[in-house]
N, C-alpha and C. Protein backbone atom coordinates (compact mmCIF):
# COMPACT_ATOMS: atom_id res chain seq x y z
N PHE A 1 39.73 133.67 -146.40
CA PHE A 1 40.18 133.44 -145.03
C PHE A 1 41.62 134.17 -144.93
N ASN A 2 42.32 134.37 -145.84
CA ASN A 2 43.78 134.83 -145.82
C ASN A 2 43.79 136.16 -145.15
N PHE A 3 42.87 137.10 -145.48
CA PHE A 3 43.01 138.27 -145.04
C PHE A 3 42.22 138.58 -143.61
N LEU A 4 41.61 137.59 -143.22
CA LEU A 4 41.05 137.46 -141.84
C LEU A 4 42.27 137.35 -140.99
N PHE A 5 43.32 136.39 -141.41
CA PHE A 5 44.32 136.30 -140.53
C PHE A 5 45.23 137.44 -140.60
N VAL A 6 45.16 138.32 -141.74
CA VAL A 6 46.10 139.43 -141.61
C VAL A 6 45.60 140.52 -140.76
N GLN A 7 44.31 140.62 -140.57
CA GLN A 7 43.76 141.60 -139.61
C GLN A 7 43.89 141.08 -138.39
N GLY A 8 43.68 139.74 -137.87
CA GLY A 8 43.92 139.28 -136.68
C GLY A 8 45.43 139.62 -136.09
N LEU A 9 46.40 139.31 -137.07
CA LEU A 9 47.70 139.59 -136.56
C LEU A 9 48.06 141.01 -136.52
N LEU A 10 47.48 141.92 -137.35
CA LEU A 10 47.71 143.36 -137.15
C LEU A 10 47.28 143.87 -135.77
N ILE A 11 45.96 143.42 -135.37
CA ILE A 11 45.39 143.79 -134.32
C ILE A 11 46.25 143.33 -133.08
N ARG A 12 46.65 142.09 -133.05
CA ARG A 12 47.57 141.76 -131.95
C ARG A 12 49.03 142.43 -131.93
N LEU A 13 49.53 142.58 -133.03
CA LEU A 13 50.86 143.43 -133.13
C LEU A 13 50.70 144.86 -132.56
N PHE A 14 49.57 145.55 -133.09
CA PHE A 14 49.49 146.98 -132.67
C PHE A 14 49.22 147.08 -131.25
N ALA A 15 48.45 145.99 -130.71
CA ALA A 15 48.02 145.94 -129.32
C ALA A 15 49.39 145.90 -128.45
N TYR A 16 50.30 144.98 -128.93
CA TYR A 16 51.55 144.77 -128.11
C TYR A 16 52.41 145.98 -128.37
N LYS A 17 52.27 146.73 -129.51
CA LYS A 17 53.16 148.00 -129.61
C LYS A 17 52.63 149.14 -128.68
N ASP A 18 51.46 149.02 -128.38
CA ASP A 18 50.74 150.17 -127.57
C ASP A 18 51.05 149.90 -126.14
N THR A 19 51.06 148.55 -125.63
CA THR A 19 51.08 148.20 -124.32
C THR A 19 52.46 147.53 -124.04
N SER A 20 53.03 146.80 -124.79
CA SER A 20 54.19 145.98 -124.62
C SER A 20 53.88 144.96 -123.67
N GLN A 21 52.65 144.58 -123.64
CA GLN A 21 52.18 143.24 -122.98
C GLN A 21 52.28 142.12 -123.54
N ARG A 22 53.03 141.15 -123.04
CA ARG A 22 53.36 139.79 -123.87
C ARG A 22 52.02 139.08 -124.18
N ARG A 23 50.97 139.28 -123.16
CA ARG A 23 49.70 138.42 -123.57
C ARG A 23 49.06 138.53 -124.84
N TYR A 24 49.42 139.62 -125.46
CA TYR A 24 48.85 139.99 -126.74
C TYR A 24 49.71 139.25 -127.90
N LEU A 25 50.86 138.78 -127.64
CA LEU A 25 51.62 137.88 -128.58
C LEU A 25 51.30 136.33 -128.55
N ILE A 26 50.72 136.14 -127.27
CA ILE A 26 50.54 134.51 -127.01
C ILE A 26 49.94 133.91 -128.14
N ILE A 27 48.96 134.50 -128.82
CA ILE A 27 48.09 133.89 -129.80
C ILE A 27 48.68 133.82 -130.91
N VAL A 28 50.01 134.66 -131.27
CA VAL A 28 50.55 134.70 -132.49
C VAL A 28 51.04 133.48 -133.07
N PRO A 29 51.68 132.49 -132.23
CA PRO A 29 52.00 131.08 -132.88
C PRO A 29 50.79 130.26 -133.25
N LEU A 30 49.74 130.36 -132.62
CA LEU A 30 48.58 129.74 -132.91
C LEU A 30 47.99 130.17 -134.25
N LEU A 31 47.99 131.50 -134.48
CA LEU A 31 47.53 131.96 -135.76
C LEU A 31 48.49 131.34 -136.86
N GLY A 32 49.87 131.32 -136.53
CA GLY A 32 50.72 130.74 -137.59
C GLY A 32 50.34 129.12 -137.89
N ALA A 33 50.02 128.53 -136.81
CA ALA A 33 49.70 127.06 -137.15
C ALA A 33 48.49 126.85 -137.83
N VAL A 34 47.54 127.74 -137.62
CA VAL A 34 46.16 127.64 -138.36
C VAL A 34 46.33 128.08 -139.78
N TRP A 35 46.91 129.26 -139.87
CA TRP A 35 47.08 129.91 -141.01
C TRP A 35 47.95 129.19 -142.10
N ALA A 36 48.85 128.43 -141.68
CA ALA A 36 49.80 127.72 -142.51
C ALA A 36 49.29 126.57 -143.08
N ASN A 37 48.11 126.07 -142.39
CA ASN A 37 47.43 124.94 -142.89
C ASN A 37 46.28 125.34 -143.73
N VAL A 38 45.95 126.71 -143.90
CA VAL A 38 45.05 127.21 -144.77
C VAL A 38 45.51 127.82 -146.09
N HIS A 39 46.55 128.51 -146.12
CA HIS A 39 47.08 129.16 -147.10
C HIS A 39 48.52 129.64 -146.85
N MET A 40 49.27 129.72 -148.12
CA MET A 40 50.65 130.16 -147.91
C MET A 40 50.99 131.50 -147.71
N GLY A 41 49.96 132.28 -147.59
CA GLY A 41 49.99 133.75 -147.09
C GLY A 41 50.72 133.86 -145.79
N SER A 42 50.61 132.91 -145.08
CA SER A 42 51.25 132.97 -143.63
C SER A 42 52.64 133.26 -143.86
N PHE A 43 53.29 132.61 -144.97
CA PHE A 43 54.63 132.76 -145.14
C PHE A 43 55.02 134.17 -145.70
N ILE A 44 54.27 134.67 -146.60
CA ILE A 44 54.57 135.91 -147.21
C ILE A 44 53.97 137.07 -146.29
N TYR A 45 52.86 137.04 -145.90
CA TYR A 45 52.11 138.22 -145.17
C TYR A 45 52.55 138.00 -143.80
N GLY A 46 52.31 137.10 -143.17
CA GLY A 46 52.59 136.79 -141.68
C GLY A 46 53.83 137.09 -141.11
N LEU A 47 54.99 136.44 -141.93
CA LEU A 47 56.32 136.68 -141.46
C LEU A 47 56.82 138.09 -141.72
N THR A 48 56.41 138.71 -142.78
CA THR A 48 56.79 140.06 -143.20
C THR A 48 56.19 141.07 -142.21
N LEU A 49 54.86 140.81 -141.83
CA LEU A 49 54.23 141.86 -140.89
C LEU A 49 55.00 141.82 -139.58
N ILE A 50 55.31 140.73 -139.08
CA ILE A 50 56.03 140.57 -137.73
C ILE A 50 57.27 141.08 -137.90
N GLY A 51 58.04 140.89 -139.08
CA GLY A 51 59.33 141.56 -139.45
C GLY A 51 59.45 142.91 -139.24
N ILE A 52 58.27 143.65 -139.88
CA ILE A 52 58.19 145.06 -139.89
C ILE A 52 58.14 145.47 -138.41
N PHE A 53 57.40 144.96 -137.54
CA PHE A 53 57.33 145.46 -136.26
C PHE A 53 58.79 145.28 -135.68
N ILE A 54 59.44 144.18 -135.94
CA ILE A 54 60.71 143.98 -135.46
C ILE A 54 61.74 144.82 -135.96
N LEU A 55 61.71 145.36 -137.14
CA LEU A 55 62.56 146.37 -137.70
C LEU A 55 62.48 147.81 -136.87
N ALA A 56 61.18 147.99 -136.73
CA ALA A 56 60.84 149.34 -135.87
C ALA A 56 61.54 149.25 -134.51
N GLU A 57 61.45 148.09 -133.95
CA GLU A 57 62.16 147.91 -132.67
C GLU A 57 63.68 147.97 -132.72
N ILE A 58 64.14 147.45 -133.80
CA ILE A 58 65.71 147.59 -134.09
C ILE A 58 66.11 149.06 -134.10
N LYS A 59 65.17 150.11 -134.83
CA LYS A 59 65.42 151.38 -135.14
C LYS A 59 65.20 152.08 -133.72
N ASN A 60 64.19 151.42 -132.99
CA ASN A 60 64.22 152.15 -131.58
C ASN A 60 65.41 151.89 -130.69
N CYS A 61 66.08 150.63 -130.85
CA CYS A 61 67.24 150.51 -130.01
C CYS A 61 68.31 151.14 -130.39
N LEU A 62 68.39 151.65 -131.67
CA LEU A 62 69.60 152.57 -132.27
C LEU A 62 69.33 153.93 -131.83
N THR A 63 68.18 154.25 -131.94
CA THR A 63 67.90 155.80 -131.78
C THR A 63 67.63 156.10 -130.30
N GLU A 64 67.26 155.09 -129.43
CA GLU A 64 67.09 155.39 -128.13
C GLU A 64 68.16 154.78 -127.16
N LYS A 65 69.23 154.61 -127.95
CA LYS A 65 70.60 154.32 -127.10
C LYS A 65 70.31 152.88 -126.38
N GLY A 66 69.86 152.05 -127.15
CA GLY A 66 69.42 150.59 -126.66
C GLY A 66 68.79 150.57 -125.37
N SER A 67 67.70 151.45 -125.32
CA SER A 67 66.84 151.38 -124.09
C SER A 67 66.28 149.86 -123.73
N LEU A 68 66.16 149.80 -122.41
CA LEU A 68 65.69 148.41 -121.99
C LEU A 68 64.42 148.05 -122.57
N ALA A 69 63.51 149.01 -122.77
CA ALA A 69 61.97 148.70 -123.19
C ALA A 69 62.26 148.38 -124.72
N ALA A 70 62.94 148.97 -125.50
CA ALA A 70 63.27 148.63 -126.89
C ALA A 70 63.74 147.43 -127.15
N ARG A 71 64.85 147.03 -126.27
CA ARG A 71 65.43 145.60 -126.27
C ARG A 71 64.42 144.53 -125.96
N THR A 72 63.64 144.85 -124.81
CA THR A 72 62.76 143.84 -124.58
C THR A 72 61.65 143.63 -125.60
N ASP A 73 61.21 144.63 -126.20
CA ASP A 73 60.20 144.47 -127.18
C ASP A 73 60.78 143.85 -128.43
N PHE A 74 61.99 143.98 -128.72
CA PHE A 74 62.63 143.35 -129.81
C PHE A 74 62.75 141.75 -129.53
N ARG A 75 63.22 141.49 -128.35
CA ARG A 75 63.18 140.02 -127.93
C ARG A 75 61.85 139.34 -128.06
N ASN A 76 60.88 140.07 -127.50
CA ASN A 76 59.56 139.44 -127.47
C ASN A 76 59.10 139.24 -128.83
N LEU A 77 59.18 140.33 -129.71
CA LEU A 77 58.86 140.16 -131.21
C LEU A 77 59.50 139.18 -132.01
N PHE A 78 60.87 139.04 -131.67
CA PHE A 78 61.66 138.11 -132.43
C PHE A 78 61.13 136.66 -131.95
N LEU A 79 60.98 136.42 -130.70
CA LEU A 79 60.54 135.00 -130.30
C LEU A 79 59.16 134.76 -130.74
N SER A 80 58.26 135.83 -131.09
CA SER A 80 56.94 135.58 -131.61
C SER A 80 57.22 135.07 -133.17
N LEU A 81 58.21 135.68 -133.84
CA LEU A 81 58.31 135.41 -135.15
C LEU A 81 58.86 134.10 -135.30
N THR A 82 59.83 133.73 -134.52
CA THR A 82 60.45 132.44 -134.58
C THR A 82 59.27 131.34 -134.17
N LEU A 83 58.46 131.60 -133.13
CA LEU A 83 57.48 130.47 -132.89
C LEU A 83 56.34 130.59 -133.95
N PHE A 84 56.13 131.68 -134.49
CA PHE A 84 55.00 131.72 -135.65
C PHE A 84 55.46 130.93 -136.79
N PHE A 85 56.65 130.97 -137.09
CA PHE A 85 57.32 130.17 -138.19
C PHE A 85 57.30 128.65 -137.94
N ALA A 86 57.89 128.49 -136.65
CA ALA A 86 57.87 127.03 -136.23
C ALA A 86 56.56 126.38 -136.15
N ALA A 87 55.68 127.04 -135.84
CA ALA A 87 54.19 126.64 -135.72
C ALA A 87 53.69 126.08 -137.12
N PHE A 88 54.38 126.46 -138.14
CA PHE A 88 53.95 125.91 -139.51
C PHE A 88 54.05 124.28 -139.58
N ALA A 89 54.87 123.87 -138.80
CA ALA A 89 55.23 122.43 -138.54
C ALA A 89 54.02 121.61 -137.89
N ILE A 90 53.11 122.36 -137.21
CA ILE A 90 51.90 121.70 -136.53
C ILE A 90 50.96 121.45 -137.49
N SER A 91 51.13 120.29 -138.23
CA SER A 91 50.31 119.98 -139.41
C SER A 91 50.42 118.45 -139.53
N PRO A 92 49.46 117.86 -140.27
CA PRO A 92 49.61 116.39 -140.56
C PRO A 92 50.96 116.17 -141.37
N TYR A 93 51.31 117.06 -142.12
CA TYR A 93 52.68 116.96 -142.82
C TYR A 93 53.94 117.23 -142.14
N GLY A 94 53.76 117.80 -140.83
CA GLY A 94 54.87 117.97 -140.04
C GLY A 94 55.86 119.05 -140.83
N LEU A 95 57.13 118.74 -140.69
CA LEU A 95 58.21 119.50 -141.15
C LEU A 95 57.97 119.82 -142.56
N ARG A 96 57.32 118.98 -143.42
CA ARG A 96 57.16 119.18 -144.73
C ARG A 96 56.21 120.59 -145.01
N ASN A 97 55.31 120.66 -144.02
CA ASN A 97 54.53 121.90 -144.10
C ASN A 97 55.29 122.97 -143.86
N LEU A 98 56.25 123.00 -143.00
CA LEU A 98 57.18 124.32 -142.67
C LEU A 98 58.01 124.57 -143.86
N LEU A 99 58.41 123.52 -144.52
CA LEU A 99 59.45 123.78 -145.52
C LEU A 99 58.70 124.03 -146.98
N TYR A 100 57.48 123.73 -147.11
CA TYR A 100 56.76 123.78 -148.34
C TYR A 100 56.77 125.19 -149.13
N PRO A 101 56.38 126.17 -148.28
CA PRO A 101 56.42 127.50 -148.91
C PRO A 101 57.79 127.95 -149.36
N ILE A 102 58.87 127.46 -148.50
CA ILE A 102 60.32 127.89 -148.99
C ILE A 102 60.55 127.33 -150.21
N MET A 103 60.16 125.87 -150.51
CA MET A 103 60.35 125.33 -151.81
C MET A 103 59.63 125.81 -152.79
N VAL A 104 58.28 126.39 -152.66
CA VAL A 104 57.53 126.85 -153.79
C VAL A 104 58.01 128.19 -154.14
N PHE A 105 58.55 129.06 -153.26
CA PHE A 105 58.89 130.47 -153.81
C PHE A 105 60.31 130.49 -154.12
N LEU A 106 61.19 129.66 -153.56
CA LEU A 106 62.57 129.81 -153.84
C LEU A 106 63.09 128.82 -155.03
N PHE A 107 62.20 127.82 -155.24
CA PHE A 107 62.64 126.69 -156.42
C PHE A 107 61.56 126.83 -157.28
N PRO A 108 61.56 127.50 -158.39
CA PRO A 108 60.57 127.77 -159.32
C PRO A 108 60.08 126.31 -160.03
N ASP A 109 60.97 125.37 -160.16
CA ASP A 109 60.53 124.08 -160.77
C ASP A 109 60.04 123.16 -159.79
N PHE A 110 59.87 123.52 -158.47
CA PHE A 110 59.33 122.51 -157.51
C PHE A 110 57.76 122.18 -157.94
N ILE A 111 56.92 123.31 -158.07
CA ILE A 111 55.51 122.92 -158.42
C ILE A 111 55.25 123.78 -159.73
N GLY A 112 56.08 124.44 -160.22
CA GLY A 112 55.91 125.32 -161.33
C GLY A 112 55.02 126.49 -161.00
N PHE A 113 55.23 126.97 -159.73
CA PHE A 113 54.25 128.12 -159.26
C PHE A 113 54.38 129.35 -160.06
N TYR A 114 55.31 129.76 -160.52
CA TYR A 114 55.42 130.96 -161.26
C TYR A 114 54.88 130.77 -162.74
N ARG A 115 55.05 129.57 -163.19
CA ARG A 115 54.28 129.43 -164.58
C ARG A 115 52.97 129.35 -164.49
N THR A 116 52.28 128.85 -163.55
CA THR A 116 50.72 128.87 -163.31
C THR A 116 50.26 130.23 -163.00
N THR A 117 50.84 130.90 -162.14
CA THR A 117 50.42 132.21 -161.86
C THR A 117 50.31 133.24 -163.02
N ALA A 118 51.36 133.00 -164.00
CA ALA A 118 51.37 133.92 -165.18
C ALA A 118 50.20 133.66 -166.00
N LEU A 119 49.40 132.71 -165.83
CA LEU A 119 48.18 132.60 -166.61
C LEU A 119 46.91 133.19 -166.02
N THR A 120 46.95 133.57 -164.86
CA THR A 120 45.94 134.17 -164.12
C THR A 120 45.76 135.61 -164.15
N ASP A 121 44.67 136.42 -164.35
CA ASP A 121 44.62 137.88 -164.37
C ASP A 121 45.03 138.39 -162.94
N GLU A 122 44.49 137.64 -161.79
CA GLU A 122 44.74 138.22 -160.49
C GLU A 122 46.29 138.16 -160.18
N SER A 123 46.97 137.44 -160.93
CA SER A 123 48.59 137.48 -160.62
C SER A 123 49.35 138.35 -161.54
N GLN A 124 48.54 139.22 -162.29
CA GLN A 124 49.21 139.98 -163.26
C GLN A 124 49.49 141.52 -162.46
N ALA A 125 50.46 142.17 -162.90
CA ALA A 125 50.68 143.64 -162.28
C ALA A 125 49.39 144.53 -162.68
N PRO A 126 49.00 145.25 -161.69
CA PRO A 126 47.59 146.02 -161.90
C PRO A 126 48.01 147.45 -162.88
N LEU A 127 48.11 147.09 -163.95
CA LEU A 127 48.46 148.11 -165.00
C LEU A 127 47.33 149.02 -165.05
N GLY A 128 46.01 148.74 -164.90
CA GLY A 128 44.97 149.78 -164.78
C GLY A 128 45.18 151.00 -163.89
N VAL A 129 45.87 150.47 -162.65
CA VAL A 129 46.06 151.65 -161.83
C VAL A 129 46.56 152.83 -162.32
N PHE A 130 47.59 152.76 -163.51
CA PHE A 130 48.16 153.85 -163.99
C PHE A 130 47.26 154.57 -165.17
N LEU A 131 46.14 153.74 -165.28
CA LEU A 131 45.22 154.58 -166.31
C LEU A 131 43.98 154.99 -165.55
N PHE A 132 44.12 155.13 -164.34
CA PHE A 132 42.91 155.74 -163.50
C PHE A 132 41.69 154.87 -163.63
N ASP A 133 41.80 153.69 -163.62
CA ASP A 133 40.56 152.81 -163.69
C ASP A 133 39.82 153.00 -162.45
N GLN A 134 38.40 153.13 -162.60
CA GLN A 134 37.55 153.51 -161.47
C GLN A 134 37.52 152.31 -160.46
N SER A 135 37.88 151.17 -160.90
CA SER A 135 37.91 150.05 -159.75
C SER A 135 39.01 150.19 -158.80
N TYR A 136 39.91 151.15 -159.08
CA TYR A 136 41.12 151.47 -158.05
C TYR A 136 40.95 152.62 -157.30
N VAL A 137 39.74 153.24 -157.25
CA VAL A 137 39.40 154.42 -156.48
C VAL A 137 39.81 154.37 -155.02
N PRO A 138 39.45 153.20 -154.43
CA PRO A 138 39.83 153.10 -153.13
C PRO A 138 41.51 153.03 -152.77
N PHE A 139 41.93 152.55 -153.83
CA PHE A 139 43.51 152.55 -153.69
C PHE A 139 44.09 154.01 -153.79
N TYR A 140 43.55 154.78 -154.66
CA TYR A 140 44.05 156.13 -154.79
C TYR A 140 43.66 156.98 -153.66
N VAL A 141 42.61 156.84 -153.14
CA VAL A 141 42.24 157.76 -151.85
C VAL A 141 42.86 157.27 -150.67
N LEU A 142 43.16 155.88 -150.39
CA LEU A 142 43.96 155.39 -149.30
C LEU A 142 45.47 155.79 -149.61
N PHE A 143 46.00 155.54 -150.61
CA PHE A 143 47.37 155.96 -151.01
C PHE A 143 47.68 157.44 -150.63
N VAL A 144 46.91 158.34 -151.15
CA VAL A 144 46.97 159.79 -151.07
C VAL A 144 46.95 160.18 -149.58
N LEU A 145 45.96 159.72 -148.84
CA LEU A 145 45.84 160.03 -147.55
C LEU A 145 46.97 159.60 -146.83
N ASN A 146 47.38 158.22 -146.88
CA ASN A 146 48.54 157.87 -146.27
C ASN A 146 49.89 158.30 -146.50
N VAL A 147 50.02 158.77 -147.68
CA VAL A 147 51.35 159.56 -148.09
C VAL A 147 51.20 160.80 -147.38
N ALA A 148 50.16 161.56 -147.36
CA ALA A 148 49.96 162.85 -146.73
C ALA A 148 50.33 162.50 -145.29
N ALA A 149 49.75 161.63 -144.58
CA ALA A 149 50.02 161.38 -143.35
C ALA A 149 51.47 161.24 -142.90
N VAL A 150 52.30 160.49 -143.67
CA VAL A 150 53.77 160.23 -143.61
C VAL A 150 54.35 161.44 -143.53
N PHE A 151 54.11 162.44 -144.57
CA PHE A 151 54.83 163.60 -144.69
C PHE A 151 54.37 164.69 -143.71
N PHE A 152 53.16 164.85 -143.32
CA PHE A 152 52.66 165.98 -142.64
C PHE A 152 52.31 165.70 -141.27
N SER A 153 52.33 164.32 -140.72
CA SER A 153 51.82 164.05 -139.46
C SER A 153 52.92 164.68 -138.54
N LYS A 154 52.30 165.19 -137.39
CA LYS A 154 53.28 165.82 -136.32
C LYS A 154 53.97 164.70 -135.71
N LYS A 155 53.22 163.73 -135.43
CA LYS A 155 53.71 162.56 -134.83
C LYS A 155 54.26 161.41 -135.95
N LYS A 156 55.57 160.89 -135.84
CA LYS A 156 55.87 159.93 -136.83
C LYS A 156 55.82 158.53 -136.33
N ASP A 157 55.49 157.66 -137.04
CA ASP A 157 55.56 156.13 -136.60
C ASP A 157 56.23 155.34 -137.90
N PHE A 158 57.44 154.81 -137.48
CA PHE A 158 58.08 154.00 -138.57
C PHE A 158 57.39 152.66 -138.93
N VAL A 159 56.56 152.18 -138.20
CA VAL A 159 55.90 151.00 -138.43
C VAL A 159 54.86 151.34 -139.55
N LEU A 160 54.13 152.29 -139.26
CA LEU A 160 53.11 152.67 -140.31
C LEU A 160 53.76 153.06 -141.79
N THR A 161 54.90 153.70 -141.72
CA THR A 161 55.53 153.96 -143.03
C THR A 161 55.95 152.69 -143.61
N LEU A 162 56.56 151.83 -142.99
CA LEU A 162 56.94 150.43 -143.52
C LEU A 162 55.84 149.68 -143.83
N LEU A 163 54.74 149.77 -143.30
CA LEU A 163 53.50 148.86 -143.64
C LEU A 163 52.96 149.59 -145.01
N LEU A 164 52.92 150.74 -145.30
CA LEU A 164 52.49 151.42 -146.47
C LEU A 164 53.46 150.92 -147.49
N ILE A 165 54.70 151.02 -147.38
CA ILE A 165 55.64 150.73 -148.48
C ILE A 165 55.57 149.17 -148.97
N PHE A 166 55.49 148.35 -147.74
CA PHE A 166 55.49 146.93 -148.04
C PHE A 166 54.08 146.53 -148.76
N SER A 167 52.90 147.04 -148.40
CA SER A 167 51.66 146.86 -149.01
C SER A 167 51.53 147.51 -150.31
N PHE A 168 52.14 148.62 -150.47
CA PHE A 168 52.13 149.30 -151.90
C PHE A 168 52.82 148.55 -152.94
N PHE A 169 54.18 147.97 -152.51
CA PHE A 169 54.75 147.19 -153.61
C PHE A 169 54.27 145.92 -153.70
N MET A 170 53.71 145.31 -152.78
CA MET A 170 52.95 144.03 -152.89
C MET A 170 51.76 144.19 -153.91
N PHE A 171 51.06 145.31 -153.82
CA PHE A 171 49.91 145.46 -154.65
C PHE A 171 50.40 145.69 -156.05
N LEU A 172 51.59 146.44 -156.32
CA LEU A 172 52.13 146.67 -157.65
C LEU A 172 52.73 145.42 -158.46
N TYR A 173 52.88 144.47 -157.48
CA TYR A 173 53.58 143.15 -158.00
C TYR A 173 52.34 142.36 -158.59
N MET A 174 51.20 142.32 -157.97
CA MET A 174 50.06 141.46 -158.60
C MET A 174 48.82 142.02 -158.04
N ASN A 175 47.84 141.93 -158.88
CA ASN A 175 46.43 142.26 -158.53
C ASN A 175 45.75 141.56 -157.28
N ARG A 176 46.24 140.32 -157.10
CA ARG A 176 45.76 139.66 -155.90
C ARG A 176 46.01 140.21 -154.49
N ASN A 177 47.04 140.99 -154.38
CA ASN A 177 47.36 141.97 -153.22
C ASN A 177 46.54 143.10 -152.99
N TYR A 178 45.65 143.34 -153.92
CA TYR A 178 44.78 144.63 -153.69
C TYR A 178 43.98 144.64 -152.45
N PRO A 179 43.36 143.41 -152.10
CA PRO A 179 42.69 143.57 -150.67
C PRO A 179 43.80 143.63 -149.59
N PHE A 180 44.81 143.09 -149.81
CA PHE A 180 45.99 143.21 -148.65
C PHE A 180 46.30 144.83 -148.51
N PHE A 181 46.47 145.37 -149.60
CA PHE A 181 46.83 146.86 -149.64
C PHE A 181 45.60 147.60 -148.82
N ILE A 182 44.34 147.35 -149.39
CA ILE A 182 43.20 148.05 -148.60
C ILE A 182 43.25 147.94 -147.17
N ILE A 183 43.47 146.67 -146.86
CA ILE A 183 43.20 146.33 -145.30
C ILE A 183 44.43 147.11 -144.65
N VAL A 184 45.81 146.90 -144.98
CA VAL A 184 46.92 147.32 -144.25
C VAL A 184 46.68 148.95 -144.31
N ALA A 185 46.59 149.51 -145.44
CA ALA A 185 46.43 150.96 -145.65
C ALA A 185 45.28 151.56 -144.85
N SER A 186 44.16 150.88 -144.61
CA SER A 186 43.19 151.42 -143.84
C SER A 186 43.50 151.41 -142.28
N TYR A 187 44.20 150.25 -141.96
CA TYR A 187 44.72 150.22 -140.41
C TYR A 187 45.63 151.32 -140.18
N ALA A 188 46.52 151.54 -141.17
CA ALA A 188 47.58 152.51 -141.18
C ALA A 188 47.00 153.85 -140.93
N LEU A 189 45.94 154.13 -141.87
CA LEU A 189 45.26 155.49 -141.83
C LEU A 189 44.57 155.88 -140.48
N LEU A 190 43.95 154.66 -139.96
CA LEU A 190 43.06 154.97 -138.80
C LEU A 190 44.39 155.17 -137.73
N ARG A 191 45.41 154.55 -137.66
CA ARG A 191 46.49 154.76 -136.61
C ARG A 191 47.08 156.21 -136.80
N TRP A 192 47.28 156.57 -138.03
CA TRP A 192 47.55 158.00 -138.11
C TRP A 192 46.61 158.99 -137.60
N ALA A 193 45.34 158.80 -137.82
CA ALA A 193 44.33 159.70 -137.29
C ALA A 193 44.38 159.55 -135.66
N GLN A 194 44.59 158.45 -135.18
CA GLN A 194 44.66 158.33 -133.66
C GLN A 194 45.91 159.02 -133.14
N LEU A 195 46.99 158.86 -133.80
CA LEU A 195 48.22 159.65 -133.31
C LEU A 195 48.05 161.05 -133.24
N ASN A 196 47.29 161.74 -134.24
CA ASN A 196 47.25 163.14 -134.40
C ASN A 196 45.83 163.64 -133.72
N GLY A 197 45.18 162.85 -132.89
CA GLY A 197 44.06 163.42 -132.12
C GLY A 197 42.82 163.40 -132.87
N PHE A 198 42.61 162.76 -133.87
CA PHE A 198 41.42 162.88 -134.74
C PHE A 198 40.29 162.15 -134.11
N LYS A 199 40.70 161.26 -133.21
CA LYS A 199 39.68 160.43 -132.34
C LYS A 199 38.79 161.47 -131.57
N GLU A 200 39.45 162.29 -130.91
CA GLU A 200 38.76 163.14 -129.99
C GLU A 200 38.07 164.04 -130.77
N LEU A 201 38.50 164.67 -131.88
CA LEU A 201 37.73 165.60 -132.91
C LEU A 201 36.67 165.03 -133.28
N TRP A 202 36.76 163.69 -133.71
CA TRP A 202 35.50 163.00 -134.42
C TRP A 202 34.48 162.93 -133.22
N LEU A 203 34.72 162.47 -132.10
CA LEU A 203 33.81 162.17 -130.98
C LEU A 203 33.06 163.51 -130.61
N ARG A 204 33.79 164.67 -130.75
CA ARG A 204 33.11 166.05 -130.48
C ARG A 204 32.19 166.52 -131.49
N TRP A 205 32.55 165.97 -132.76
CA TRP A 205 31.86 166.51 -133.89
C TRP A 205 30.50 165.89 -134.04
N THR A 206 29.38 166.66 -133.86
CA THR A 206 28.11 166.35 -133.73
C THR A 206 27.52 165.57 -134.82
N ALA A 207 27.86 165.66 -136.01
CA ALA A 207 27.37 164.74 -137.11
C ALA A 207 28.20 163.48 -137.11
N GLY A 208 29.29 163.22 -136.32
CA GLY A 208 30.09 162.09 -136.37
C GLY A 208 29.30 160.83 -136.35
N LYS A 209 28.33 160.69 -135.40
CA LYS A 209 27.60 159.45 -135.14
C LYS A 209 26.71 159.13 -136.33
N TRP A 210 26.04 160.15 -136.93
CA TRP A 210 25.34 159.81 -138.07
C TRP A 210 26.18 159.51 -139.31
N LEU A 211 27.47 159.88 -139.41
CA LEU A 211 28.25 159.62 -140.54
C LEU A 211 28.81 158.14 -140.22
N GLU A 212 28.89 157.72 -139.01
CA GLU A 212 29.35 156.41 -138.72
C GLU A 212 28.26 155.45 -139.28
N ILE A 213 27.04 155.69 -138.94
CA ILE A 213 25.94 154.89 -139.30
C ILE A 213 25.98 154.78 -140.90
N VAL A 214 26.13 155.65 -141.51
CA VAL A 214 26.21 155.75 -142.97
C VAL A 214 27.22 155.05 -143.62
N LEU A 215 28.31 155.07 -142.99
CA LEU A 215 29.60 154.27 -143.35
C LEU A 215 29.47 152.86 -143.06
N LEU A 216 28.94 152.54 -141.86
CA LEU A 216 28.67 151.02 -141.67
C LEU A 216 27.70 150.43 -142.52
N THR A 217 26.63 151.17 -142.79
CA THR A 217 25.67 150.65 -143.79
C THR A 217 26.28 150.34 -144.94
N ALA A 218 27.02 151.55 -145.63
CA ALA A 218 27.62 151.21 -147.08
C ALA A 218 28.64 150.07 -146.98
N MET A 219 29.36 149.92 -145.92
CA MET A 219 30.25 148.78 -145.77
C MET A 219 29.51 147.28 -145.65
N ALA A 220 28.40 147.41 -144.99
CA ALA A 220 27.65 146.13 -144.90
C ALA A 220 26.94 145.82 -146.19
């Protein structure tokens, strides 16, 4: 369920980024309330993803000489971040549920989180990625394509660059974050393609529809 919330949050944040319509952010606190009662990924993934979009707006405020649109987007996203975090308290445990992930990650002796994660393979660093393990082929493909997009795209997008950096280092930290990287890098690559007009080229390509059927069948 963790990565369903990641996708839902990304869809809403990108929709707001494209339109600046606050209605796309209304559901963000609700996502925080449900997510926090399911998994602590709401604290690590959720807060950081919203924070990345906020950083991009701070950059826009500085580079666009504090334009009204950039300041408004910053305020709306910052409010969403605050409400998202505050919504963690909507739980049978109340304020304890809001403080719980902070205690877990910042105080190692609280529940011994770091001692237990050291015992599981999914919590280890993905050393196999440096040995060209076949199980990491999706990582190699997405990483190379995204890096190429960052450097060679005619249109730049600070959010996509930050998302790639964050998901990459999360993956290098532990195997458990491999699906997170795949999801974020896939969304980023699609956005890069959209920015550079690949959508129109794909629609005009006669074999595009058949390839879509093959890809959807493979994913299913």
